Amino acid sequence: GFDCDTCGIITNIDEQSGDIALGVDQSLEAKAEGDSQLDNGA
C-alpha cells in the first residue's frame, strides 16, 4: 500500500522567521544584563 521508492515526495521549506530568531539568539535577560550565560531565549 506504500512504497519508499515510488511514492511522491514534495518539499516546501522556508527559513526561520527573523522575528522569532531575535528572541532565541539573545534572550531578554541577556539584552538587559549582558549576561552571556543567558544568551538563548525560549
PDB file of all heavy atoms in Angstrom:
ATOM      1  N   GLY A   1       0.799  -1.224   0.000  1.00  0.00           N
ATOM      2  CA  GLY A   1       0.000   0.000   0.000  1.00  0.00           C
ATOM      3  C   GLY A   1       0.826   1.265   0.000  1.00  0.00           C
ATOM      4  O   GLY A   1       0.282   2.368  -0.159  1.00  0.00           O
ATOM      5  N   PHE A   2       2.147   1.109   0.167  1.00  0.00           N
ATOM      6  CA  PHE A   2       3.041   2.273   0.163  1.00  0.00           C
ATOM      7  C   PHE A   2       4.438   1.775  -0.153  1.00  0.00           C
ATOM      8  O   PHE A   2       4.886   0.760   0.394  1.00  0.00           O
ATOM      9  CB  PHE A   2       3.017   2.981   1.518  1.00  0.00           C
ATOM     10  CG  PHE A   2       3.401   4.433   1.444  1.00  0.00           C
ATOM     11  CD1 PHE A   2       2.483   5.386   1.041  1.00  0.00           C
ATOM     12  CD2 PHE A   2       4.683   4.848   1.779  1.00  0.00           C
ATOM     13  CE1 PHE A   2       2.836   6.729   0.964  1.00  0.00           C
ATOM     14  CE2 PHE A   2       5.038   6.189   1.713  1.00  0.00           C
ATOM     15  CZ  PHE A   2       4.108   7.131   1.303  1.00  0.00           C
ATOM     16  N   ASP A   3       5.143   2.497  -1.027  1.00  0.00           N
ATOM     17  CA  ASP A   3       6.460   2.040  -1.479  1.00  0.00           C
ATOM     18  C   ASP A   3       7.453   3.194  -1.392  1.00  0.00           C
ATOM     19  O   ASP A   3       7.244   4.261  -1.977  1.00  0.00           O
ATOM     20  CB  ASP A   3       6.365   1.530  -2.919  1.00  0.00           C
ATOM     21  CG  ASP A   3       7.711   1.065  -3.473  1.00  0.00           C
ATOM     22  OD1 ASP A   3       8.648   0.885  -2.670  1.00  0.00           O
ATOM     23  OD2 ASP A   3       7.816   0.891  -4.696  1.00  0.00           O
ATOM     24  N   CYS A   4       8.542   2.977  -0.662  1.00  0.00           N
ATOM     25  CA  CYS A   4       9.536   4.025  -0.441  1.00  0.00           C
ATOM     26  C   CYS A   4      10.167   4.522  -1.743  1.00  0.00           C
ATOM     27  O   CYS A   4      10.575   5.694  -1.830  1.00  0.00           O
ATOM     28  CB  CYS A   4      10.625   3.512   0.496  1.00  0.00           C
ATOM     29  SG  CYS A   4      11.491   2.036  -0.107  1.00  0.00           S
ATOM     30  N   ASP A   5      10.264   3.673  -2.747  1.00  0.00           N
ATOM     31  CA  ASP A   5      10.961   4.048  -3.979  1.00  0.00           C
ATOM     32  C   ASP A   5      10.072   4.738  -5.001  1.00  0.00           C
ATOM     33  O   ASP A   5      10.576   5.466  -5.868  1.00  0.00           O
ATOM     34  CB  ASP A   5      11.598   2.802  -4.613  1.00  0.00           C
ATOM     35  CG  ASP A   5      12.721   2.238  -3.760  1.00  0.00           C
ATOM     36  OD1 ASP A   5      13.535   3.038  -3.265  1.00  0.00           O
ATOM     37  OD2 ASP A   5      12.775   1.009  -3.568  1.00  0.00           O
ATOM     38  N   THR A   6       8.766   4.517  -4.929  1.00  0.00           N
ATOM     39  CA  THR A   6       7.877   5.073  -5.956  1.00  0.00           C
ATOM     40  C   THR A   6       6.932   6.146  -5.443  1.00  0.00           C
ATOM     41  O   THR A   6       6.247   6.790  -6.231  1.00  0.00           O
ATOM     42  CB  THR A   6       7.045   3.951  -6.602  1.00  0.00           C
ATOM     43  OG1 THR A   6       6.229   3.324  -5.591  1.00  0.00           O
ATOM     44  CG2 THR A   6       7.933   2.904  -7.251  1.00  0.00           C
ATOM     45  N   CYS A   7       6.875   6.360  -4.122  1.00  0.00           N
ATOM     46  CA  CYS A   7       5.977   7.400  -3.601  1.00  0.00           C
ATOM     47  C   CYS A   7       6.485   8.780  -4.016  1.00  0.00           C
ATOM     48  O   CYS A   7       7.686   9.005  -4.187  1.00  0.00           O
ATOM     49  CB  CYS A   7       5.850   7.311  -2.081  1.00  0.00           C
ATOM     50  SG  CYS A   7       7.348   7.703  -1.151  1.00  0.00           S
ATOM     51  N   GLY A   8       5.559   9.709  -4.184  1.00  0.00           N
ATOM     52  CA  GLY A   8       5.932  11.084  -4.484  1.00  0.00           C
ATOM     53  C   GLY A   8       6.354  11.811  -3.220  1.00  0.00           C
ATOM     54  O   GLY A   8       5.829  11.553  -2.140  1.00  0.00           O
ATOM     55  N   ILE A   9       7.331  12.707  -3.332  1.00  0.00           N
ATOM     56  CA  ILE A   9       7.787  13.495  -2.187  1.00  0.00           C
ATOM     57  C   ILE A   9       7.837  14.962  -2.575  1.00  0.00           C
ATOM     58  O   ILE A   9       8.506  15.341  -3.548  1.00  0.00           O
ATOM     59  CB  ILE A   9       9.160  13.023  -1.675  1.00  0.00           C
ATOM     60  CG1 ILE A   9       9.058  11.581  -1.153  1.00  0.00           C
ATOM     61  CG2 ILE A   9       9.674  13.958  -0.573  1.00  0.00           C
ATOM     62  CD1 ILE A   9      10.341  11.018  -0.593  1.00  0.00           C
ATOM     63  N   ILE A  10       7.112  15.789  -1.840  1.00  0.00           N
ATOM     64  CA  ILE A  10       7.092  17.235  -2.045  1.00  0.00           C
ATOM     65  C   ILE A  10       7.786  17.890  -0.856  1.00  0.00           C
ATOM     66  O   ILE A  10       7.518  17.536   0.296  1.00  0.00           O
ATOM     67  CB  ILE A  10       5.645  17.757  -2.157  1.00  0.00           C
ATOM     68  CG1 ILE A  10       4.921  17.117  -3.351  1.00  0.00           C
ATOM     69  CG2 ILE A  10       5.621  19.276  -2.261  1.00  0.00           C
ATOM     70  CD1 ILE A  10       3.439  17.435  -3.396  1.00  0.00           C
ATOM     71  N   THR A  11       8.677  18.832  -1.125  1.00  0.00           N
ATOM     72  CA  THR A  11       9.300  19.596  -0.038  1.00  0.00           C
ATOM     73  C   THR A  11       8.930  21.067  -0.175  1.00  0.00           C
ATOM     74  O   THR A  11       8.895  21.610  -1.278  1.00  0.00           O
ATOM     75  CB  THR A  11      10.833  19.448  -0.044  1.00  0.00           C
ATOM     76  OG1 THR A  11      11.347  19.898  -1.291  1.00  0.00           O
ATOM     77  CG2 THR A  11      11.237  18.000   0.180  1.00  0.00           C
ATOM     78  N   ASN A  12       8.661  21.682   0.945  1.00  0.00           N
ATOM     79  CA  ASN A  12       8.250  23.089   0.982  1.00  0.00           C
ATOM     80  C   ASN A  12       8.882  23.716   2.226  1.00  0.00           C
ATOM     81  O   ASN A  12       8.285  23.732   3.299  1.00  0.00           O
ATOM     82  CB  ASN A  12       6.720  23.166   1.023  1.00  0.00           C
ATOM     83  CG  ASN A  12       6.222  24.590   1.061  1.00  0.00           C
ATOM     84  OD1 ASN A  12       6.899  25.494   0.599  1.00  0.00           O
ATOM     85  ND2 ASN A  12       5.049  24.803   1.632  1.00  0.00           N
ATOM     86  N   ILE A  13      10.133  24.181   2.089  1.00  0.00           N
ATOM     87  CA  ILE A  13      10.923  24.626   3.233  1.00  0.00           C
ATOM     88  C   ILE A  13      11.232  26.115   3.124  1.00  0.00           C
ATOM     89  O   ILE A  13      11.681  26.595   2.086  1.00  0.00           O
ATOM     90  CB  ILE A  13      12.256  23.844   3.323  1.00  0.00           C
ATOM     91  CG1 ILE A  13      11.992  22.326   3.354  1.00  0.00           C
ATOM     92  CG2 ILE A  13      13.052  24.285   4.543  1.00  0.00           C
ATOM     93  CD1 ILE A  13      11.228  21.835   4.554  1.00  0.00           C
ATOM     94  N   ASP A  14      11.015  26.837   4.214  1.00  0.00           N
ATOM     95  CA  ASP A  14      11.385  28.249   4.319  1.00  0.00           C
ATOM     96  C   ASP A  14      12.377  28.376   5.476  1.00  0.00           C
ATOM     97  O   ASP A  14      12.650  27.394   6.189  1.00  0.00           O
ATOM     98  CB  ASP A  14      10.140  29.106   4.564  1.00  0.00           C
ATOM     99  CG  ASP A  14      10.329  30.556   4.118  1.00  0.00           C
ATOM    100  OD1 ASP A  14      11.484  30.944   3.853  1.00  0.00           O
ATOM    101  OD2 ASP A  14       9.319  31.287   4.059  1.00  0.00           O
ATOM    102  N   GLU A  15      12.936  29.570   5.708  1.00  0.00           N
ATOM    103  CA  GLU A  15      13.843  29.764   6.832  1.00  0.00           C
ATOM    104  C   GLU A  15      13.068  30.215   8.064  1.00  0.00           C
ATOM    105  O   GLU A  15      11.927  30.658   7.972  1.00  0.00           O
ATOM    106  CB  GLU A  15      14.912  30.800   6.484  1.00  0.00           C
ATOM    107  CG  GLU A  15      14.386  32.198   6.237  1.00  0.00           C
ATOM    108  CD  GLU A  15      15.494  33.169   5.885  1.00  0.00           C
ATOM    109  OE1 GLU A  15      16.666  32.765   5.883  1.00  0.00           O
ATOM    110  OE2 GLU A  15      15.173  34.341   5.612  1.00  0.00           O
ATOM    111  N   GLN A  16      13.718  30.082   9.233  1.00  0.00           N
ATOM    112  CA  GLN A  16      13.083  30.527  10.473  1.00  0.00           C
ATOM    113  C   GLN A  16      12.803  32.024  10.418  1.00  0.00           C
ATOM    114  O   GLN A  16      13.616  32.805   9.928  1.00  0.00           O
ATOM    115  CB  GLN A  16      13.970  30.217  11.681  1.00  0.00           C
ATOM    116  CG  GLN A  16      13.317  30.581  13.012  1.00  0.00           C
ATOM    117  CD  GLN A  16      14.240  30.350  14.196  1.00  0.00           C
ATOM    118  OE1 GLN A  16      15.307  30.942  14.286  1.00  0.00           O
ATOM    119  NE2 GLN A  16      13.809  29.487  15.108  1.00  0.00           N
ATOM    120  N   SER A  17      11.647  32.412  10.927  1.00  0.00           N
ATOM    121  CA  SER A  17      11.281  33.823  10.983  1.00  0.00           C
ATOM    122  C   SER A  17      12.334  34.636  11.723  1.00  0.00           C
ATOM    123  O   SER A  17      12.777  34.267  12.820  1.00  0.00           O
ATOM    124  CB  SER A  17       9.926  33.969  11.692  1.00  0.00           C
ATOM    125  OG  SER A  17       9.737  35.277  12.168  1.00  0.00           O
ATOM    126  N   GLY A  18      12.715  35.753  11.153  1.00  0.00           N
ATOM    127  CA  GLY A  18      13.664  36.641  11.807  1.00  0.00           C
ATOM    128  C   GLY A  18      13.139  37.191  13.115  1.00  0.00           C
ATOM    129  O   GLY A  18      13.907  37.459  14.044  1.00  0.00           O
ATOM    130  N   ASP A  19      11.829  37.347  13.226  1.00  0.00           N
ATOM    131  CA  ASP A  19      11.231  37.855  14.468  1.00  0.00           C
ATOM    132  C   ASP A  19      11.420  36.856  15.611  1.00  0.00           C
ATOM    133  O   ASP A  19      11.664  37.242  16.756  1.00  0.00           O
ATOM    134  CB  ASP A  19       9.738  38.124  14.265  1.00  0.00           C
ATOM    135  CG  ASP A  19       9.483  39.277  13.303  1.00  0.00           C
ATOM    136  OD1 ASP A  19      10.441  40.007  12.991  1.00  0.00           O
ATOM    137  OD2 ASP A  19       8.330  39.437  12.868  1.00  0.00           O
ATOM    138  N   ILE A  20      11.277  35.557  15.293  1.00  0.00           N
ATOM    139  CA  ILE A  20      11.498  34.523  16.306  1.00  0.00           C
ATOM    140  C   ILE A  20      12.978  34.467  16.670  1.00  0.00           C
ATOM    141  O   ILE A  20      13.351  34.393  17.848  1.00  0.00           O
ATOM    142  CB  ILE A  20      11.005  33.157  15.804  1.00  0.00           C
ATOM    143  CG1 ILE A  20       9.475  33.172  15.632  1.00  0.00           C
ATOM    144  CG2 ILE A  20      11.426  32.040  16.760  1.00  0.00           C
ATOM    145  CD1 ILE A  20       8.911  31.914  15.002  1.00  0.00           C
ATOM    146  N   ALA A  21      13.839  34.512  15.654  1.00  0.00           N
ATOM    147  CA  ALA A  21      15.282  34.408  15.890  1.00  0.00           C
ATOM    148  C   ALA A  21      15.800  35.508  16.809  1.00  0.00           C
ATOM    149  O   ALA A  21      16.747  35.298  17.575  1.00  0.00           O
ATOM    150  CB  ALA A  21      16.029  34.436  14.560  1.00  0.00           C
ATOM    151  N   LEU A  22      15.174  36.696  16.765  1.00  0.00           N
ATOM    152  CA  LEU A  22      15.602  37.805  17.623  1.00  0.00           C
ATOM    153  C   LEU A  22      15.628  37.413  19.094  1.00  0.00           C
ATOM    154  O   LEU A  22      16.540  37.766  19.835  1.00  0.00           O
ATOM    155  CB  LEU A  22      14.672  39.006  17.435  1.00  0.00           C
ATOM    156  CG  LEU A  22      14.893  39.897  16.212  1.00  0.00           C
ATOM    157  CD1 LEU A  22      13.769  40.924  16.116  1.00  0.00           C
ATOM    158  CD2 LEU A  22      16.247  40.596  16.290  1.00  0.00           C
ATOM    159  N   GLY A  23      14.592  36.696  19.535  1.00  0.00           N
ATOM    160  CA  GLY A  23      14.493  36.322  20.940  1.00  0.00           C
ATOM    161  C   GLY A  23      15.245  35.062  21.288  1.00  0.00           C
ATOM    162  O   GLY A  23      15.664  34.883  22.427  1.00  0.00           O
ATOM    163  N   VAL A  24      15.427  34.169  20.311  1.00  0.00           N
ATOM    164  CA  VAL A  24      16.136  32.922  20.575  1.00  0.00           C
ATOM    165  C   VAL A  24      17.641  33.152  20.605  1.00  0.00           C
ATOM    166  O   VAL A  24      18.357  32.627  21.447  1.00  0.00           O
ATOM    167  CB  VAL A  24      15.772  31.855  19.517  1.00  0.00           C
ATOM    168  CG1 VAL A  24      16.545  30.560  19.775  1.00  0.00           C
ATOM    169  CG2 VAL A  24      14.277  31.587  19.540  1.00  0.00           C
ATOM    170  N   ASP A  25      18.143  33.957  19.668  1.00  0.00           N
ATOM    171  CA  ASP A  25      19.581  34.219  19.592  1.00  0.00           C
ATOM    172  C   ASP A  25      20.094  34.939  20.836  1.00  0.00           C
ATOM    173  O   ASP A  25      21.182  34.659  21.331  1.00  0.00           O
ATOM    174  CB  ASP A  25      19.902  35.070  18.356  1.00  0.00           C
ATOM    175  CG  ASP A  25      19.650  34.320  17.061  1.00  0.00           C
ATOM    176  OD1 ASP A  25      19.592  33.078  17.092  1.00  0.00           O
ATOM    177  OD2 ASP A  25      19.503  34.977  16.014  1.00  0.00           O
ATOM    178  N   GLN A  26      19.302  35.880  21.336  1.00  0.00           N
ATOM    179  CA  GLN A  26      19.704  36.630  22.533  1.00  0.00           C
ATOM    180  C   GLN A  26      18.468  36.893  23.378  1.00  0.00           C
ATOM    181  O   GLN A  26      17.520  37.548  22.943  1.00  0.00           O
ATOM    182  CB  GLN A  26      20.382  37.946  22.163  1.00  0.00           C
ATOM    183  CG  GLN A  26      21.009  38.644  23.372  1.00  0.00           C
ATOM    184  CD  GLN A  26      21.756  39.899  22.983  1.00  0.00           C
ATOM    185  OE1 GLN A  26      21.329  40.620  22.082  1.00  0.00           O
ATOM    186  NE2 GLN A  26      22.870  40.177  23.645  1.00  0.00           N
ATOM    187  N   SER A  27      18.490  36.375  24.597  1.00  0.00           N
ATOM    188  CA  SER A  27      17.319  36.479  25.464  1.00  0.00           C
ATOM    189  C   SER A  27      17.115  37.905  25.961  1.00  0.00           C
ATOM    190  O   SER A  27      18.015  38.757  25.904  1.00  0.00           O
ATOM    191  CB  SER A  27      17.471  35.546  26.668  1.00  0.00           C
ATOM    192  OG  SER A  27      18.480  36.034  27.538  1.00  0.00           O
ATOM    193  N   LEU A  28      15.925  38.159  26.486  1.00  0.00           N
ATOM    194  CA  LEU A  28      15.607  39.462  27.066  1.00  0.00           C
ATOM    195  C   LEU A  28      16.559  39.783  28.206  1.00  0.00           C
ATOM    196  O   LEU A  28      17.036  40.913  28.349  1.00  0.00           O
ATOM    197  CB  LEU A  28      14.157  39.464  27.565  1.00  0.00           C
ATOM    198  CG  LEU A  28      13.620  40.781  28.120  1.00  0.00           C
ATOM    199  CD1 LEU A  28      13.509  41.816  27.016  1.00  0.00           C
ATOM    200  CD2 LEU A  28      12.262  40.566  28.778  1.00  0.00           C
ATOM    201  N   GLU A  29      16.884  38.765  29.039  1.00  0.00           N
ATOM    202  CA  GLU A  29      17.793  38.993  30.158  1.00  0.00           C
ATOM    203  C   GLU A  29      19.184  39.380  29.670  1.00  0.00           C
ATOM    204  O   GLU A  29      19.839  40.256  30.221  1.00  0.00           O
ATOM    205  CB  GLU A  29      17.899  37.730  31.032  1.00  0.00           C
ATOM    206  CG  GLU A  29      16.592  37.314  31.680  1.00  0.00           C
ATOM    207  CD  GLU A  29      15.907  36.203  30.909  1.00  0.00           C
ATOM    208  OE1 GLU A  29      15.901  36.259  29.666  1.00  0.00           O
ATOM    209  OE2 GLU A  29      15.389  35.284  31.547  1.00  0.00           O
ATOM    210  N   ALA A  30      19.651  38.702  28.610  1.00  0.00           N
ATOM    211  CA  ALA A  30      20.988  38.996  28.086  1.00  0.00           C
ATOM    212  C   ALA A  30      21.054  40.410  27.525  1.00  0.00           C
ATOM    213  O   ALA A  30      22.055  41.116  27.685  1.00  0.00           O
ATOM    214  CB  ALA A  30      21.364  37.973  27.019  1.00  0.00           C
ATOM    215  N   LYS A  31      19.989  40.831  26.865  1.00  0.00           N
ATOM    216  CA  LYS A  31      19.947  42.194  26.323  1.00  0.00           C
ATOM    217  C   LYS A  31      19.982  43.232  27.442  1.00  0.00           C
ATOM    218  O   LYS A  31      20.609  44.289  27.322  1.00  0.00           O
ATOM    219  CB  LYS A  31      18.683  42.379  25.484  1.00  0.00           C
ATOM    220  CG  LYS A  31      18.674  41.558  24.195  1.00  0.00           C
ATOM    221  CD  LYS A  31      17.308  41.593  23.529  1.00  0.00           C
ATOM    222  CE  LYS A  31      17.270  40.672  22.315  1.00  0.00           C
ATOM    223  NZ  LYS A  31      15.916  40.553  21.738  1.00  0.00           N
ATOM    224  N   ALA A  32      19.318  42.913  28.566  1.00  0.00           N
ATOM    225  CA  ALA A  32      19.228  43.877  29.664  1.00  0.00           C
ATOM    226  C   ALA A  32      20.458  43.846  30.565  1.00  0.00           C
ATOM    227  O   ALA A  32      20.909  44.872  31.058  1.00  0.00           O
ATOM    228  CB  ALA A  32      17.978  43.592  30.494  1.00  0.00           C
ATOM    229  N   GLU A  33      21.021  42.620  30.773  1.00  0.00           N
ATOM    230  CA  GLU A  33      22.063  42.454  31.775  1.00  0.00           C
ATOM    231  C   GLU A  33      23.432  42.147  31.189  1.00  0.00           C
ATOM    232  O   GLU A  33      24.434  42.150  31.905  1.00  0.00           O
ATOM    233  CB  GLU A  33      21.668  41.328  32.742  1.00  0.00           C
ATOM    234  CG  GLU A  33      20.335  41.574  33.442  1.00  0.00           C
ATOM    235  CD  GLU A  33      19.834  40.328  34.160  1.00  0.00           C
ATOM    236  OE1 GLU A  33      20.664  39.446  34.453  1.00  0.00           O
ATOM    237  OE2 GLU A  33      18.623  40.246  34.423  1.00  0.00           O
ATOM    238  N   GLY A  34      23.470  41.816  29.895  1.00  0.00           N
ATOM    239  CA  GLY A  34      24.748  41.479  29.277  1.00  0.00           C
ATOM    240  C   GLY A  34      25.345  40.196  29.798  1.00  0.00           C
ATOM    241  O   GLY A  34      26.565  40.010  29.798  1.00  0.00           O
ATOM    242  N   ASP A  35      24.502  39.276  30.272  1.00  0.00           N
ATOM    243  CA  ASP A  35      24.959  38.007  30.830  1.00  0.00           C
ATOM    244  C   ASP A  35      25.003  36.959  29.728  1.00  0.00           C
ATOM    245  O   ASP A  35      23.969  36.510  29.246  1.00  0.00           O
ATOM    246  CB  ASP A  35      24.009  37.569  31.952  1.00  0.00           C
ATOM    247  CG  ASP A  35      24.502  36.312  32.669  1.00  0.00           C
ATOM    248  OD1 ASP A  35      25.438  35.667  32.168  1.00  0.00           O
ATOM    249  OD2 ASP A  35      23.946  36.003  33.738  1.00  0.00           O
ATOM    250  N   SER A  36      26.203  36.530  29.331  1.00  0.00           N
ATOM    251  CA  SER A  36      26.338  35.575  28.238  1.00  0.00           C
ATOM    252  C   SER A  36      25.747  34.212  28.587  1.00  0.00           C
ATOM    253  O   SER A  36      25.434  33.416  27.710  1.00  0.00           O
ATOM    254  CB  SER A  36      27.811  35.410  27.848  1.00  0.00           C
ATOM    255  OG  SER A  36      28.553  34.882  28.944  1.00  0.00           O
ATOM    256  N   GLN A  37      25.635  33.913  29.895  1.00  0.00           N
ATOM    257  CA  GLN A  37      25.056  32.636  30.296  1.00  0.00           C
ATOM    258  C   GLN A  37      23.563  32.571  29.992  1.00  0.00           C
ATOM    259  O   GLN A  37      22.955  31.513  30.057  1.00  0.00           O
ATOM    260  CB  GLN A  37      25.277  32.416  31.799  1.00  0.00           C
ATOM    261  CG  GLN A  37      26.734  32.245  32.179  1.00  0.00           C
ATOM    262  CD  GLN A  37      27.371  31.042  31.507  1.00  0.00           C
ATOM    263  OE1 GLN A  37      26.840  29.942  31.573  1.00  0.00           O
ATOM    264  NE2 GLN A  37      28.494  31.265  30.834  1.00  0.00           N
ATOM    265  N   LEU A  38      22.970  33.704  29.695  1.00  0.00           N
ATOM    266  CA  LEU A  38      21.545  33.757  29.405  1.00  0.00           C
ATOM    267  C   LEU A  38      21.291  34.076  27.935  1.00  0.00           C
ATOM    268  O   LEU A  38      20.259  34.619  27.583  1.00  0.00           O
ATOM    269  CB  LEU A  38      20.871  34.820  30.294  1.00  0.00           C
ATOM    270  CG  LEU A  38      20.841  34.538  31.790  1.00  0.00           C
ATOM    271  CD1 LEU A  38      20.412  35.779  32.552  1.00  0.00           C
ATOM    272  CD2 LEU A  38      19.909  33.392  32.098  1.00  0.00           C
ATOM    273  N   ASP A  39      22.263  33.768  27.098  1.00  0.00           N
ATOM    274  CA  ASP A  39      22.187  34.197  25.701  1.00  0.00           C
ATOM    275  C   ASP A  39      20.930  33.729  24.979  1.00  0.00           C
ATOM    276  O   ASP A  39      20.326  34.480  24.227  1.00  0.00           O
ATOM    277  CB  ASP A  39      23.414  33.711  24.926  1.00  0.00           C
ATOM    278  CG  ASP A  39      24.497  34.795  24.876  1.00  0.00           C
ATOM    279  OD1 ASP A  39      24.218  35.899  25.368  1.00  0.00           O
ATOM    280  OD2 ASP A  39      25.583  34.517  24.360  1.00  0.00           O
ATOM    281  N   ASN A  40      20.561  32.481  25.167  1.00  0.00           N
ATOM    282  CA  ASN A  40      19.448  31.925  24.397  1.00  0.00           C
ATOM    283  C   ASN A  40      18.125  32.090  25.124  1.00  0.00           C
ATOM    284  O   ASN A  40      17.972  31.646  26.260  1.00  0.00           O
ATOM    285  CB  ASN A  40      19.684  30.446  24.098  1.00  0.00           C
ATOM    286  CG  ASN A  40      20.887  30.232  23.195  1.00  0.00           C
ATOM    287  OD1 ASN A  40      21.822  29.542  23.559  1.00  0.00           O
ATOM    288  ND2 ASN A  40      20.854  30.826  22.021  1.00  0.00           N
ATOM    289  N   GLY A  41      17.158  32.702  24.457  1.00  0.00           N
ATOM    290  CA  GLY A  41      15.811  32.787  24.994  1.00  0.00           C
ATOM    291  C   GLY A  41      14.991  31.580  24.576  1.00  0.00           C
ATOM    292  O   GLY A  41      15.366  30.824  23.675  1.00  0.00           O
ATOM    293  N   ALA A  42      13.851  31.371  25.218  1.00  0.00           N
ATOM    294  CA  ALA A  42      12.956  30.284  24.839  1.00  0.00           C
ATOM    295  C   ALA A  42      12.444  30.515  23.427  1.00  0.00           C
ATOM    296  O   ALA A  42      12.161  31.646  23.026  1.00  0.00           O
ATOM    297  CB  ALA A  42      11.795  30.191  25.821  1.00  0.00           C
TER     298      ALA A  42
END
